[in-house]
Amino acid sequence: MAIADEVQRVGAPLRRWARTQKREYTHGEPRPLGGSLGAMGVYSSLVAAGAVAVRASGRQLPERIPFGDAALLTIATFRLARRLAKDPVTAPIRAPFTAFQGASGPAEIEEEVREHGGVKHAVGELLTCPFCLAQWVGTAFVFGYVTAPRATRLAALTMTTVAGSDVLQFVYDSIQNGALAPTGDGPAEPV
């Protein structure tokens, strides 16, 4: 019991400091600072474990990444992060942390976090934010590229192809909705 008491005694000023920082930062709003700190800890731990695994495997890091591979991974990261954060089909992943609000765009939905403050809030914010998810997805693609480049390129090609298809769907819809129809704003025809 002496060790537990000592940990409590030493940790008390740190806990007071953390509560003060949260109070001053949030101004009473339910912000998930502890949950976000936990998410950063999980991310950092996964990156460290991945780096240790790559090092232990003896794999050499690439001297450089060819532009084509970097572009492929970038587009795939965008598409997969957006798919995870906004797609109706991936809603079951987000459902424990979010509540459906309605459609937000073509084949996308809007959700809000269910609980405010705490870990579920932090996870809900992460899962509904394609910008936030891109960090995790991009890191996974990079580790995949280092450890299994051919398989990662194939997976990235799938998501990049989907992103290209999405662009074509929007172009097609725009054309169908009259995007190429004359507007009458052009120069007047000579009489």
N, C-alpha and C. Protein backbone atom coordinates (compact mmCIF):
# COMPACT_ATOMS: atom_id res chain seq x y z
N MET A 1 0.80 -1.20 0.00
CA MET A 1 0.00 0.00 0.00
C MET A 1 0.84 1.26 0.00
N ALA A 2 2.04 1.21 0.50
CA ALA A 2 2.89 2.39 0.59
C ALA A 2 3.20 2.94 -0.81
N ILE A 3 3.39 2.07 -1.80
CA ILE A 3 3.70 2.53 -3.15
C ILE A 3 2.48 3.23 -3.75
N ALA A 4 1.31 2.65 -3.58
CA ALA A 4 0.09 3.27 -4.11
C ALA A 4 -0.15 4.63 -3.47
N ASP A 5 0.08 4.74 -2.18
CA ASP A 5 -0.09 6.02 -1.50
C ASP A 5 0.90 7.06 -2.03
N GLU A 6 2.12 6.62 -2.26
CA GLU A 6 3.15 7.52 -2.77
C GLU A 6 2.81 7.99 -4.18
N VAL A 7 2.31 7.07 -5.02
CA VAL A 7 1.90 7.45 -6.38
C VAL A 7 0.77 8.48 -6.31
N GLN A 8 -0.19 8.28 -5.42
CA GLN A 8 -1.29 9.24 -5.23
C GLN A 8 -0.75 10.60 -4.80
N ARG A 9 0.18 10.59 -3.85
CA ARG A 9 0.74 11.83 -3.32
C ARG A 9 1.51 12.59 -4.41
N VAL A 10 2.33 11.88 -5.16
CA VAL A 10 3.14 12.53 -6.19
C VAL A 10 2.26 12.97 -7.36
N GLY A 11 1.23 12.19 -7.67
CA GLY A 11 0.36 12.50 -8.80
C GLY A 11 -0.64 13.60 -8.54
N ALA A 12 -0.93 13.91 -7.30
CA ALA A 12 -1.95 14.91 -6.96
C ALA A 12 -1.67 16.28 -7.59
N PRO A 13 -0.46 16.82 -7.52
CA PRO A 13 -0.22 18.13 -8.15
C PRO A 13 -0.40 18.08 -9.67
N LEU A 14 -0.02 16.98 -10.29
CA LEU A 14 -0.19 16.83 -11.73
C LEU A 14 -1.67 16.81 -12.10
N ARG A 15 -2.48 16.09 -11.31
CA ARG A 15 -3.92 16.05 -11.56
C ARG A 15 -4.55 17.43 -11.37
N ARG A 16 -4.13 18.16 -10.35
CA ARG A 16 -4.64 19.52 -10.13
C ARG A 16 -4.27 20.42 -11.32
N TRP A 17 -3.03 20.33 -11.75
CA TRP A 17 -2.57 21.12 -12.89
C TRP A 17 -3.39 20.79 -14.14
N ALA A 18 -3.63 19.51 -14.40
CA ALA A 18 -4.40 19.08 -15.58
C ALA A 18 -5.84 19.60 -15.51
N ARG A 19 -6.45 19.54 -14.33
CA ARG A 19 -7.83 20.05 -14.17
C ARG A 19 -7.87 21.56 -14.42
N THR A 20 -6.86 22.28 -13.94
CA THR A 20 -6.80 23.73 -14.15
C THR A 20 -6.65 24.02 -15.64
N GLN A 21 -5.77 23.30 -16.33
CA GLN A 21 -5.58 23.52 -17.76
C GLN A 21 -6.86 23.26 -18.53
N LYS A 22 -7.55 22.18 -18.19
CA LYS A 22 -8.80 21.85 -18.88
C LYS A 22 -9.84 22.93 -18.64
N ARG A 23 -9.99 23.37 -17.42
CA ARG A 23 -10.97 24.41 -17.08
C ARG A 23 -10.67 25.70 -17.84
N GLU A 24 -9.41 26.09 -17.86
CA GLU A 24 -9.04 27.33 -18.54
C GLU A 24 -9.15 27.21 -20.05
N TYR A 25 -8.92 26.03 -20.59
CA TYR A 25 -9.00 25.82 -22.03
C TYR A 25 -10.44 25.73 -22.51
N THR A 26 -11.27 24.97 -21.81
CA THR A 26 -12.61 24.66 -22.30
C THR A 26 -13.66 25.70 -21.97
N HIS A 27 -13.42 26.55 -20.97
CA HIS A 27 -14.41 27.54 -20.55
C HIS A 27 -15.77 26.88 -20.29
N GLY A 28 -15.76 25.68 -19.75
CA GLY A 28 -16.99 24.98 -19.41
C GLY A 28 -17.58 24.13 -20.52
N GLU A 29 -17.03 24.22 -21.72
CA GLU A 29 -17.51 23.38 -22.82
C GLU A 29 -17.01 21.95 -22.62
N PRO A 30 -17.81 20.94 -23.00
CA PRO A 30 -17.39 19.55 -22.81
C PRO A 30 -16.40 19.10 -23.88
N ARG A 31 -15.14 19.44 -23.74
CA ARG A 31 -14.09 19.04 -24.68
C ARG A 31 -13.37 17.81 -24.14
N PRO A 32 -13.06 16.85 -25.02
CA PRO A 32 -12.48 15.58 -24.58
C PRO A 32 -10.95 15.61 -24.51
N LEU A 33 -10.38 16.50 -23.73
CA LEU A 33 -8.92 16.61 -23.69
C LEU A 33 -8.26 15.31 -23.25
N GLY A 34 -8.81 14.66 -22.23
CA GLY A 34 -8.23 13.39 -21.78
C GLY A 34 -8.34 12.32 -22.85
N GLY A 35 -9.50 12.25 -23.51
CA GLY A 35 -9.68 11.27 -24.59
C GLY A 35 -8.77 11.55 -25.76
N SER A 36 -8.58 12.83 -26.09
CA SER A 36 -7.68 13.19 -27.18
C SER A 36 -6.24 12.86 -26.81
N LEU A 37 -5.87 13.08 -25.57
CA LEU A 37 -4.54 12.70 -25.11
C LEU A 37 -4.36 11.19 -25.22
N GLY A 38 -5.40 10.44 -24.88
CA GLY A 38 -5.35 8.99 -25.01
C GLY A 38 -5.20 8.57 -26.47
N ALA A 39 -5.93 9.23 -27.38
CA ALA A 39 -5.82 8.91 -28.81
C ALA A 39 -4.41 9.19 -29.32
N MET A 40 -3.83 10.31 -28.88
CA MET A 40 -2.45 10.61 -29.28
C MET A 40 -1.49 9.55 -28.73
N GLY A 41 -1.76 9.09 -27.51
CA GLY A 41 -0.92 8.04 -26.93
C GLY A 41 -1.03 6.73 -27.70
N VAL A 42 -2.25 6.37 -28.10
CA VAL A 42 -2.44 5.14 -28.89
C VAL A 42 -1.74 5.28 -30.23
N TYR A 43 -1.93 6.41 -30.90
CA TYR A 43 -1.28 6.63 -32.19
C TYR A 43 0.25 6.55 -32.06
N SER A 44 0.79 7.26 -31.08
CA SER A 44 2.25 7.26 -30.87
C SER A 44 2.76 5.86 -30.56
N SER A 45 2.02 5.12 -29.75
CA SER A 45 2.43 3.76 -29.41
C SER A 45 2.41 2.85 -30.63
N LEU A 46 1.38 2.98 -31.47
CA LEU A 46 1.31 2.16 -32.69
C LEU A 46 2.45 2.50 -33.65
N VAL A 47 2.75 3.79 -33.79
CA VAL A 47 3.86 4.19 -34.66
C VAL A 47 5.18 3.65 -34.11
N ALA A 48 5.38 3.77 -32.80
CA ALA A 48 6.62 3.26 -32.19
C ALA A 48 6.72 1.75 -32.37
N ALA A 49 5.62 1.03 -32.13
CA ALA A 49 5.63 -0.43 -32.29
C ALA A 49 5.90 -0.80 -33.75
N GLY A 50 5.30 -0.05 -34.67
CA GLY A 50 5.55 -0.31 -36.09
C GLY A 50 7.00 -0.07 -36.46
N ALA A 51 7.57 1.01 -35.95
CA ALA A 51 8.98 1.31 -36.23
C ALA A 51 9.90 0.23 -35.67
N VAL A 52 9.59 -0.24 -34.46
CA VAL A 52 10.38 -1.32 -33.86
C VAL A 52 10.26 -2.59 -34.69
N ALA A 53 9.04 -2.90 -35.14
CA ALA A 53 8.83 -4.11 -35.94
C ALA A 53 9.57 -4.02 -37.27
N VAL A 54 9.54 -2.85 -37.92
CA VAL A 54 10.27 -2.68 -39.18
C VAL A 54 11.76 -2.84 -38.94
N ARG A 55 12.24 -2.23 -37.89
CA ARG A 55 13.67 -2.31 -37.57
C ARG A 55 14.08 -3.76 -37.27
N ALA A 56 13.25 -4.46 -36.48
CA ALA A 56 13.56 -5.84 -36.11
C ALA A 56 13.51 -6.77 -37.32
N SER A 57 12.70 -6.44 -38.31
CA SER A 57 12.59 -7.29 -39.49
C SER A 57 13.80 -7.18 -40.39
N GLY A 58 14.61 -6.15 -40.18
CA GLY A 58 15.78 -5.96 -41.01
C GLY A 58 15.48 -5.28 -42.34
N ARG A 59 14.24 -4.89 -42.55
CA ARG A 59 13.88 -4.21 -43.80
C ARG A 59 14.57 -2.85 -43.87
N GLN A 60 14.99 -2.51 -45.04
CA GLN A 60 15.59 -1.20 -45.26
C GLN A 60 14.50 -0.21 -45.67
N LEU A 61 14.56 0.98 -45.12
CA LEU A 61 13.63 2.01 -45.54
C LEU A 61 14.02 2.49 -46.93
N PRO A 62 13.05 2.83 -47.74
CA PRO A 62 13.40 3.30 -49.08
C PRO A 62 14.20 4.60 -49.01
N GLU A 63 15.14 4.74 -49.93
CA GLU A 63 15.92 5.98 -50.02
C GLU A 63 14.99 7.14 -50.35
N ARG A 64 14.06 6.90 -51.26
CA ARG A 64 13.05 7.88 -51.61
C ARG A 64 11.84 7.12 -52.14
N ILE A 65 10.72 7.81 -52.14
CA ILE A 65 9.48 7.22 -52.65
C ILE A 65 9.23 7.83 -54.02
N PRO A 66 9.07 7.01 -55.04
CA PRO A 66 8.78 7.58 -56.37
C PRO A 66 7.51 8.42 -56.33
N PHE A 67 7.48 9.48 -57.14
CA PHE A 67 6.34 10.39 -57.15
C PHE A 67 5.03 9.65 -57.40
N GLY A 68 5.04 8.70 -58.31
CA GLY A 68 3.82 7.95 -58.63
C GLY A 68 3.28 7.21 -57.41
N ASP A 69 4.17 6.61 -56.64
CA ASP A 69 3.74 5.91 -55.42
C ASP A 69 3.22 6.89 -54.37
N ALA A 70 3.90 8.03 -54.24
CA ALA A 70 3.45 9.04 -53.28
C ALA A 70 2.07 9.56 -53.66
N ALA A 71 1.85 9.81 -54.94
CA ALA A 71 0.53 10.28 -55.40
C ALA A 71 -0.52 9.21 -55.17
N LEU A 72 -0.20 7.96 -55.47
CA LEU A 72 -1.13 6.85 -55.27
C LEU A 72 -1.54 6.74 -53.81
N LEU A 73 -0.56 6.79 -52.90
CA LEU A 73 -0.84 6.69 -51.47
C LEU A 73 -1.62 7.90 -50.96
N THR A 74 -1.33 9.08 -51.50
CA THR A 74 -2.02 10.29 -51.08
C THR A 74 -3.50 10.24 -51.47
N ILE A 75 -3.78 9.89 -52.70
CA ILE A 75 -5.17 9.82 -53.15
C ILE A 75 -5.91 8.71 -52.41
N ALA A 76 -5.25 7.58 -52.21
CA ALA A 76 -5.86 6.47 -51.47
C ALA A 76 -6.16 6.86 -50.03
N THR A 77 -5.25 7.62 -49.42
CA THR A 77 -5.47 8.08 -48.05
C THR A 77 -6.69 8.99 -47.99
N PHE A 78 -6.78 9.92 -48.93
CA PHE A 78 -7.95 10.80 -48.98
C PHE A 78 -9.24 9.98 -49.09
N ARG A 79 -9.27 9.05 -50.05
CA ARG A 79 -10.50 8.32 -50.32
C ARG A 79 -10.90 7.43 -49.14
N LEU A 80 -9.92 6.70 -48.56
CA LEU A 80 -10.24 5.79 -47.47
C LEU A 80 -10.63 6.56 -46.20
N ALA A 81 -9.95 7.65 -45.90
CA ALA A 81 -10.31 8.46 -44.73
C ALA A 81 -11.73 9.01 -44.87
N ARG A 82 -12.05 9.48 -46.05
CA ARG A 82 -13.39 10.02 -46.29
C ARG A 82 -14.43 8.90 -46.23
N ARG A 83 -14.09 7.75 -46.77
CA ARG A 83 -15.01 6.61 -46.74
C ARG A 83 -15.30 6.20 -45.29
N LEU A 84 -14.26 6.13 -44.47
CA LEU A 84 -14.46 5.74 -43.07
C LEU A 84 -15.25 6.78 -42.29
N ALA A 85 -15.05 8.06 -42.61
CA ALA A 85 -15.67 9.14 -41.82
C ALA A 85 -17.08 9.52 -42.26
N LYS A 86 -17.41 9.31 -43.52
CA LYS A 86 -18.65 9.87 -44.04
C LYS A 86 -19.58 8.89 -44.75
N ASP A 87 -19.11 7.72 -45.12
CA ASP A 87 -19.89 6.80 -45.94
C ASP A 87 -21.00 6.13 -45.13
N PRO A 88 -22.22 6.03 -45.69
CA PRO A 88 -23.29 5.33 -44.98
C PRO A 88 -22.95 3.87 -44.67
N VAL A 89 -22.21 3.22 -45.55
CA VAL A 89 -21.89 1.80 -45.35
C VAL A 89 -20.97 1.58 -44.15
N THR A 90 -20.14 2.56 -43.84
CA THR A 90 -19.23 2.42 -42.70
C THR A 90 -19.83 2.97 -41.40
N ALA A 91 -21.10 3.35 -41.44
CA ALA A 91 -21.78 3.87 -40.24
C ALA A 91 -21.71 2.91 -39.05
N PRO A 92 -21.78 1.59 -39.25
CA PRO A 92 -21.70 0.70 -38.07
C PRO A 92 -20.41 0.85 -37.27
N ILE A 93 -19.33 1.26 -37.92
CA ILE A 93 -18.07 1.49 -37.21
C ILE A 93 -18.20 2.72 -36.29
N ARG A 94 -18.90 3.72 -36.78
CA ARG A 94 -19.05 4.98 -36.04
C ARG A 94 -20.22 4.97 -35.06
N ALA A 95 -21.19 4.09 -35.28
CA ALA A 95 -22.45 4.10 -34.53
C ALA A 95 -22.29 4.09 -33.00
N PRO A 96 -21.34 3.35 -32.43
CA PRO A 96 -21.23 3.39 -30.96
C PRO A 96 -20.81 4.76 -30.40
N PHE A 97 -20.32 5.63 -31.27
CA PHE A 97 -19.78 6.90 -30.82
C PHE A 97 -20.53 8.12 -31.35
N THR A 98 -21.42 7.90 -32.33
CA THR A 98 -22.06 9.02 -33.01
C THR A 98 -23.56 8.81 -33.12
N ALA A 99 -24.26 9.87 -33.53
CA ALA A 99 -25.69 9.82 -33.81
C ALA A 99 -25.93 10.39 -35.20
N PHE A 100 -26.73 9.70 -35.98
CA PHE A 100 -27.07 10.10 -37.34
C PHE A 100 -27.82 11.43 -37.33
N GLN A 101 -27.43 12.35 -38.22
CA GLN A 101 -28.09 13.65 -38.32
C GLN A 101 -28.81 13.84 -39.65
N GLY A 102 -28.34 13.16 -40.69
CA GLY A 102 -28.95 13.29 -42.01
C GLY A 102 -27.91 13.22 -43.10
N ALA A 103 -28.36 13.38 -44.33
CA ALA A 103 -27.45 13.39 -45.47
C ALA A 103 -26.65 14.68 -45.47
N SER A 104 -25.40 14.59 -45.93
CA SER A 104 -24.57 15.80 -45.98
C SER A 104 -24.04 16.07 -47.38
N GLY A 105 -24.29 15.17 -48.30
CA GLY A 105 -23.81 15.31 -49.67
C GLY A 105 -24.06 14.01 -50.39
N PRO A 106 -23.67 13.95 -51.65
CA PRO A 106 -23.86 12.71 -52.40
C PRO A 106 -23.15 11.54 -51.72
N ALA A 107 -23.92 10.54 -51.33
CA ALA A 107 -23.41 9.31 -50.71
C ALA A 107 -22.62 9.56 -49.43
N GLU A 108 -22.95 10.63 -48.72
CA GLU A 108 -22.30 10.92 -47.44
C GLU A 108 -23.35 11.29 -46.41
N ILE A 109 -23.03 11.03 -45.15
CA ILE A 109 -23.94 11.37 -44.07
C ILE A 109 -23.26 12.24 -43.04
N GLU A 110 -24.08 12.96 -42.30
CA GLU A 110 -23.60 13.82 -41.21
C GLU A 110 -23.95 13.15 -39.90
N GLU A 111 -23.00 13.13 -38.99
CA GLU A 111 -23.20 12.56 -37.67
C GLU A 111 -22.62 13.49 -36.62
N GLU A 112 -23.12 13.39 -35.40
CA GLU A 112 -22.57 14.14 -34.27
C GLU A 112 -22.15 13.15 -33.21
N VAL A 113 -21.17 13.55 -32.42
CA VAL A 113 -20.73 12.67 -31.33
C VAL A 113 -21.87 12.53 -30.32
N ARG A 114 -21.98 11.33 -29.75
CA ARG A 114 -23.08 11.06 -28.82
C ARG A 114 -22.83 11.60 -27.44
N GLU A 115 -21.64 11.40 -26.95
CA GLU A 115 -21.32 11.82 -25.58
C GLU A 115 -20.33 12.97 -25.66
N HIS A 116 -20.49 13.93 -24.78
CA HIS A 116 -19.58 15.08 -24.79
C HIS A 116 -18.65 15.00 -23.60
N GLY A 117 -17.38 15.11 -23.90
CA GLY A 117 -16.34 14.92 -22.90
C GLY A 117 -15.97 13.45 -22.85
N GLY A 118 -14.75 13.15 -22.53
CA GLY A 118 -14.32 11.77 -22.34
C GLY A 118 -13.86 11.07 -23.61
N VAL A 119 -13.59 9.79 -23.45
CA VAL A 119 -13.01 8.97 -24.52
C VAL A 119 -13.98 8.80 -25.68
N LYS A 120 -15.26 8.51 -25.40
CA LYS A 120 -16.21 8.30 -26.50
C LYS A 120 -16.36 9.56 -27.35
N HIS A 121 -16.26 10.72 -26.74
CA HIS A 121 -16.32 11.97 -27.49
C HIS A 121 -15.09 12.07 -28.41
N ALA A 122 -13.93 11.80 -27.87
CA ALA A 122 -12.70 11.89 -28.66
C ALA A 122 -12.72 10.91 -29.82
N VAL A 123 -13.17 9.68 -29.57
CA VAL A 123 -13.23 8.67 -30.64
C VAL A 123 -14.28 9.09 -31.67
N GLY A 124 -15.43 9.61 -31.21
CA GLY A 124 -16.45 10.08 -32.13
C GLY A 124 -15.95 11.20 -33.03
N GLU A 125 -15.22 12.15 -32.45
CA GLU A 125 -14.66 13.23 -33.27
C GLU A 125 -13.66 12.69 -34.28
N LEU A 126 -12.83 11.75 -33.85
CA LEU A 126 -11.84 11.16 -34.76
C LEU A 126 -12.54 10.44 -35.92
N LEU A 127 -13.55 9.64 -35.61
CA LEU A 127 -14.21 8.83 -36.63
C LEU A 127 -15.09 9.62 -37.58
N THR A 128 -15.47 10.84 -37.23
CA THR A 128 -16.31 11.65 -38.12
C THR A 128 -15.51 12.73 -38.85
N CYS A 129 -14.23 12.76 -38.66
CA CYS A 129 -13.39 13.80 -39.26
C CYS A 129 -12.43 13.17 -40.28
N PRO A 130 -12.69 13.34 -41.58
CA PRO A 130 -11.78 12.75 -42.57
C PRO A 130 -10.37 13.32 -42.48
N PHE A 131 -10.24 14.56 -42.05
CA PHE A 131 -8.91 15.16 -41.91
C PHE A 131 -8.14 14.46 -40.78
N CYS A 132 -8.83 14.17 -39.69
CA CYS A 132 -8.21 13.50 -38.54
C CYS A 132 -7.86 12.06 -38.89
N LEU A 133 -8.78 11.37 -39.54
CA LEU A 133 -8.54 9.97 -39.92
C LEU A 133 -7.40 9.83 -40.93
N ALA A 134 -7.21 10.86 -41.76
CA ALA A 134 -6.16 10.78 -42.78
C ALA A 134 -4.79 10.53 -42.15
N GLN A 135 -4.55 11.09 -40.97
CA GLN A 135 -3.26 10.85 -40.28
C GLN A 135 -3.07 9.37 -40.01
N TRP A 136 -4.11 8.71 -39.51
CA TRP A 136 -4.04 7.29 -39.17
C TRP A 136 -3.97 6.43 -40.43
N VAL A 137 -4.81 6.75 -41.41
CA VAL A 137 -4.84 5.98 -42.66
C VAL A 137 -3.53 6.15 -43.41
N GLY A 138 -3.04 7.38 -43.51
CA GLY A 138 -1.77 7.63 -44.19
C GLY A 138 -0.62 6.90 -43.53
N THR A 139 -0.61 6.89 -42.21
CA THR A 139 0.45 6.17 -41.48
C THR A 139 0.37 4.68 -41.79
N ALA A 140 -0.83 4.13 -41.81
CA ALA A 140 -0.99 2.70 -42.13
C ALA A 140 -0.50 2.41 -43.54
N PHE A 141 -0.84 3.28 -44.49
CA PHE A 141 -0.37 3.08 -45.86
C PHE A 141 1.16 3.14 -45.94
N VAL A 142 1.77 4.08 -45.23
CA VAL A 142 3.23 4.20 -45.26
C VAL A 142 3.90 2.96 -44.66
N PHE A 143 3.38 2.50 -43.49
CA PHE A 143 3.96 1.28 -42.91
C PHE A 143 3.73 0.08 -43.84
N GLY A 144 2.56 0.03 -44.46
CA GLY A 144 2.31 -1.03 -45.43
C GLY A 144 3.26 -0.96 -46.60
N TYR A 145 3.52 0.25 -47.08
CA TYR A 145 4.43 0.45 -48.21
C TYR A 145 5.85 -0.02 -47.87
N VAL A 146 6.26 0.22 -46.63
CA VAL A 146 7.61 -0.18 -46.21
C VAL A 146 7.71 -1.70 -46.04
N THR A 147 6.65 -2.31 -45.51
CA THR A 147 6.73 -3.74 -45.20
C THR A 147 6.21 -4.64 -46.32
N ALA A 148 5.24 -4.19 -47.08
CA ALA A 148 4.66 -5.00 -48.16
C ALA A 148 4.27 -4.07 -49.31
N PRO A 149 5.26 -3.55 -50.04
CA PRO A 149 4.97 -2.51 -51.03
C PRO A 149 4.01 -2.96 -52.15
N ARG A 150 4.13 -4.17 -52.62
CA ARG A 150 3.25 -4.60 -53.72
C ARG A 150 1.80 -4.69 -53.27
N ALA A 151 1.57 -5.30 -52.13
CA ALA A 151 0.20 -5.42 -51.61
C ALA A 151 -0.38 -4.04 -51.27
N THR A 152 0.46 -3.17 -50.73
CA THR A 152 -0.01 -1.83 -50.37
C THR A 152 -0.34 -1.02 -51.61
N ARG A 153 0.49 -1.14 -52.64
CA ARG A 153 0.18 -0.45 -53.89
C ARG A 153 -1.16 -0.94 -54.45
N LEU A 154 -1.41 -2.24 -54.36
CA LEU A 154 -2.66 -2.79 -54.87
C LEU A 154 -3.86 -2.25 -54.08
N ALA A 155 -3.75 -2.24 -52.76
CA ALA A 155 -4.83 -1.70 -51.93
C ALA A 155 -5.02 -0.21 -52.22
N ALA A 156 -3.91 0.52 -52.34
CA ALA A 156 -3.98 1.95 -52.62
C ALA A 156 -4.56 2.20 -54.01
N LEU A 157 -4.22 1.35 -54.95
CA LEU A 157 -4.77 1.49 -56.30
C LEU A 157 -6.29 1.34 -56.27
N THR A 158 -6.78 0.43 -55.47
CA THR A 158 -8.24 0.25 -55.34
C THR A 158 -8.89 1.54 -54.88
N MET A 159 -8.39 2.13 -53.82
CA MET A 159 -8.99 3.35 -53.29
C MET A 159 -8.78 4.54 -54.24
N THR A 160 -7.65 4.58 -54.93
CA THR A 160 -7.40 5.65 -55.89
C THR A 160 -8.34 5.53 -57.08
N THR A 161 -8.60 4.31 -57.51
CA THR A 161 -9.55 4.08 -58.60
C THR A 161 -10.94 4.53 -58.18
N VAL A 162 -11.33 4.24 -56.95
CA VAL A 162 -12.62 4.68 -56.44
C VAL A 162 -12.69 6.22 -56.41
N ALA A 163 -11.61 6.86 -55.98
CA ALA A 163 -11.59 8.33 -55.96
C ALA A 163 -11.74 8.89 -57.37
N GLY A 164 -11.06 8.29 -58.34
CA GLY A 164 -11.20 8.72 -59.73
C GLY A 164 -12.63 8.52 -60.23
N SER A 165 -13.22 7.40 -59.87
CA SER A 165 -14.61 7.14 -60.24
C SER A 165 -15.54 8.17 -59.63
N ASP A 166 -15.29 8.54 -58.37
CA ASP A 166 -16.10 9.57 -57.73
C ASP A 166 -16.07 10.88 -58.52
N VAL A 167 -14.88 11.27 -58.96
CA VAL A 167 -14.74 12.50 -59.74
C VAL A 167 -15.57 12.39 -61.02
N LEU A 168 -15.47 11.26 -61.69
CA LEU A 168 -16.25 11.07 -62.92
C LEU A 168 -17.75 11.10 -62.65
N GLN A 169 -18.19 10.55 -61.50
CA GLN A 169 -19.61 10.60 -61.15
C GLN A 169 -20.07 12.05 -61.01
N PHE A 170 -19.26 12.87 -60.34
CA PHE A 170 -19.63 14.28 -60.17
C PHE A 170 -19.64 15.02 -61.51
N VAL A 171 -18.68 14.73 -62.38
CA VAL A 171 -18.64 15.35 -63.70
C VAL A 171 -19.89 14.94 -64.49
N TYR A 172 -20.22 13.66 -64.47
CA TYR A 172 -21.39 13.17 -65.18
C TYR A 172 -22.66 13.84 -64.66
N ASP A 173 -22.81 13.90 -63.33
CA ASP A 173 -23.98 14.55 -62.74
C ASP A 173 -24.06 16.02 -63.15
N SER A 174 -22.92 16.69 -63.18
CA SER A 174 -22.91 18.11 -63.58
C SER A 174 -23.36 18.26 -65.02
N ILE A 175 -22.89 17.39 -65.89
CA ILE A 175 -23.29 17.44 -67.30
C ILE A 175 -24.79 17.16 -67.41
N GLN A 176 -25.26 16.16 -66.68
CA GLN A 176 -26.69 15.81 -66.71
C GLN A 176 -27.55 16.97 -66.21
N ASN A 177 -27.00 17.76 -65.30
CA ASN A 177 -27.75 18.88 -64.72
C ASN A 177 -27.53 20.19 -65.48
N GLY A 178 -26.96 20.10 -66.68
CA GLY A 178 -26.85 21.27 -67.54
C GLY A 178 -25.58 22.06 -67.42
N ALA A 179 -24.53 21.50 -66.90
CA ALA A 179 -23.29 22.26 -66.74
C ALA A 179 -22.72 22.71 -68.08
N LEU A 180 -22.99 21.99 -69.15
CA LEU A 180 -22.45 22.38 -70.45
C LEU A 180 -23.46 23.13 -71.30
N ALA A 181 -24.65 23.37 -70.79
CA ALA A 181 -25.67 24.10 -71.55
C ALA A 181 -25.28 25.55 -71.67
N PRO A 182 -25.57 26.15 -72.84
CA PRO A 182 -25.25 27.59 -72.99
C PRO A 182 -26.04 28.41 -71.97
N THR A 183 -25.36 29.40 -71.42
CA THR A 183 -26.01 30.23 -70.40
C THR A 183 -26.49 31.56 -70.93
N GLY A 184 -26.08 31.94 -72.10
CA GLY A 184 -26.47 33.24 -72.64
C GLY A 184 -25.60 34.37 -72.12
N ASP A 185 -24.57 34.06 -71.33
CA ASP A 185 -23.71 35.10 -70.79
C ASP A 185 -22.53 35.40 -71.71
N GLY A 186 -22.43 34.65 -72.80
CA GLY A 186 -21.30 34.82 -73.71
C GLY A 186 -21.45 36.08 -74.54
N PRO A 187 -20.48 36.32 -75.48
CA PRO A 187 -20.54 37.51 -76.32
C PRO A 187 -21.76 37.45 -77.24
N ALA A 188 -22.31 38.58 -77.52
CA ALA A 188 -23.48 38.66 -78.40
C ALA A 188 -23.07 38.29 -79.82
N GLU A 189 -23.98 37.62 -80.51
CA GLU A 189 -23.71 37.25 -81.89
C GLU A 189 -23.89 38.48 -82.77
N PRO A 190 -23.05 38.61 -83.82
CA PRO A 190 -23.20 39.78 -84.72
C PRO A 190 -24.53 39.71 -85.47
N VAL A 191 -25.10 40.87 -85.73
CA VAL A 191 -26.39 40.96 -86.42
C VAL A 191 -26.18 41.13 -87.89
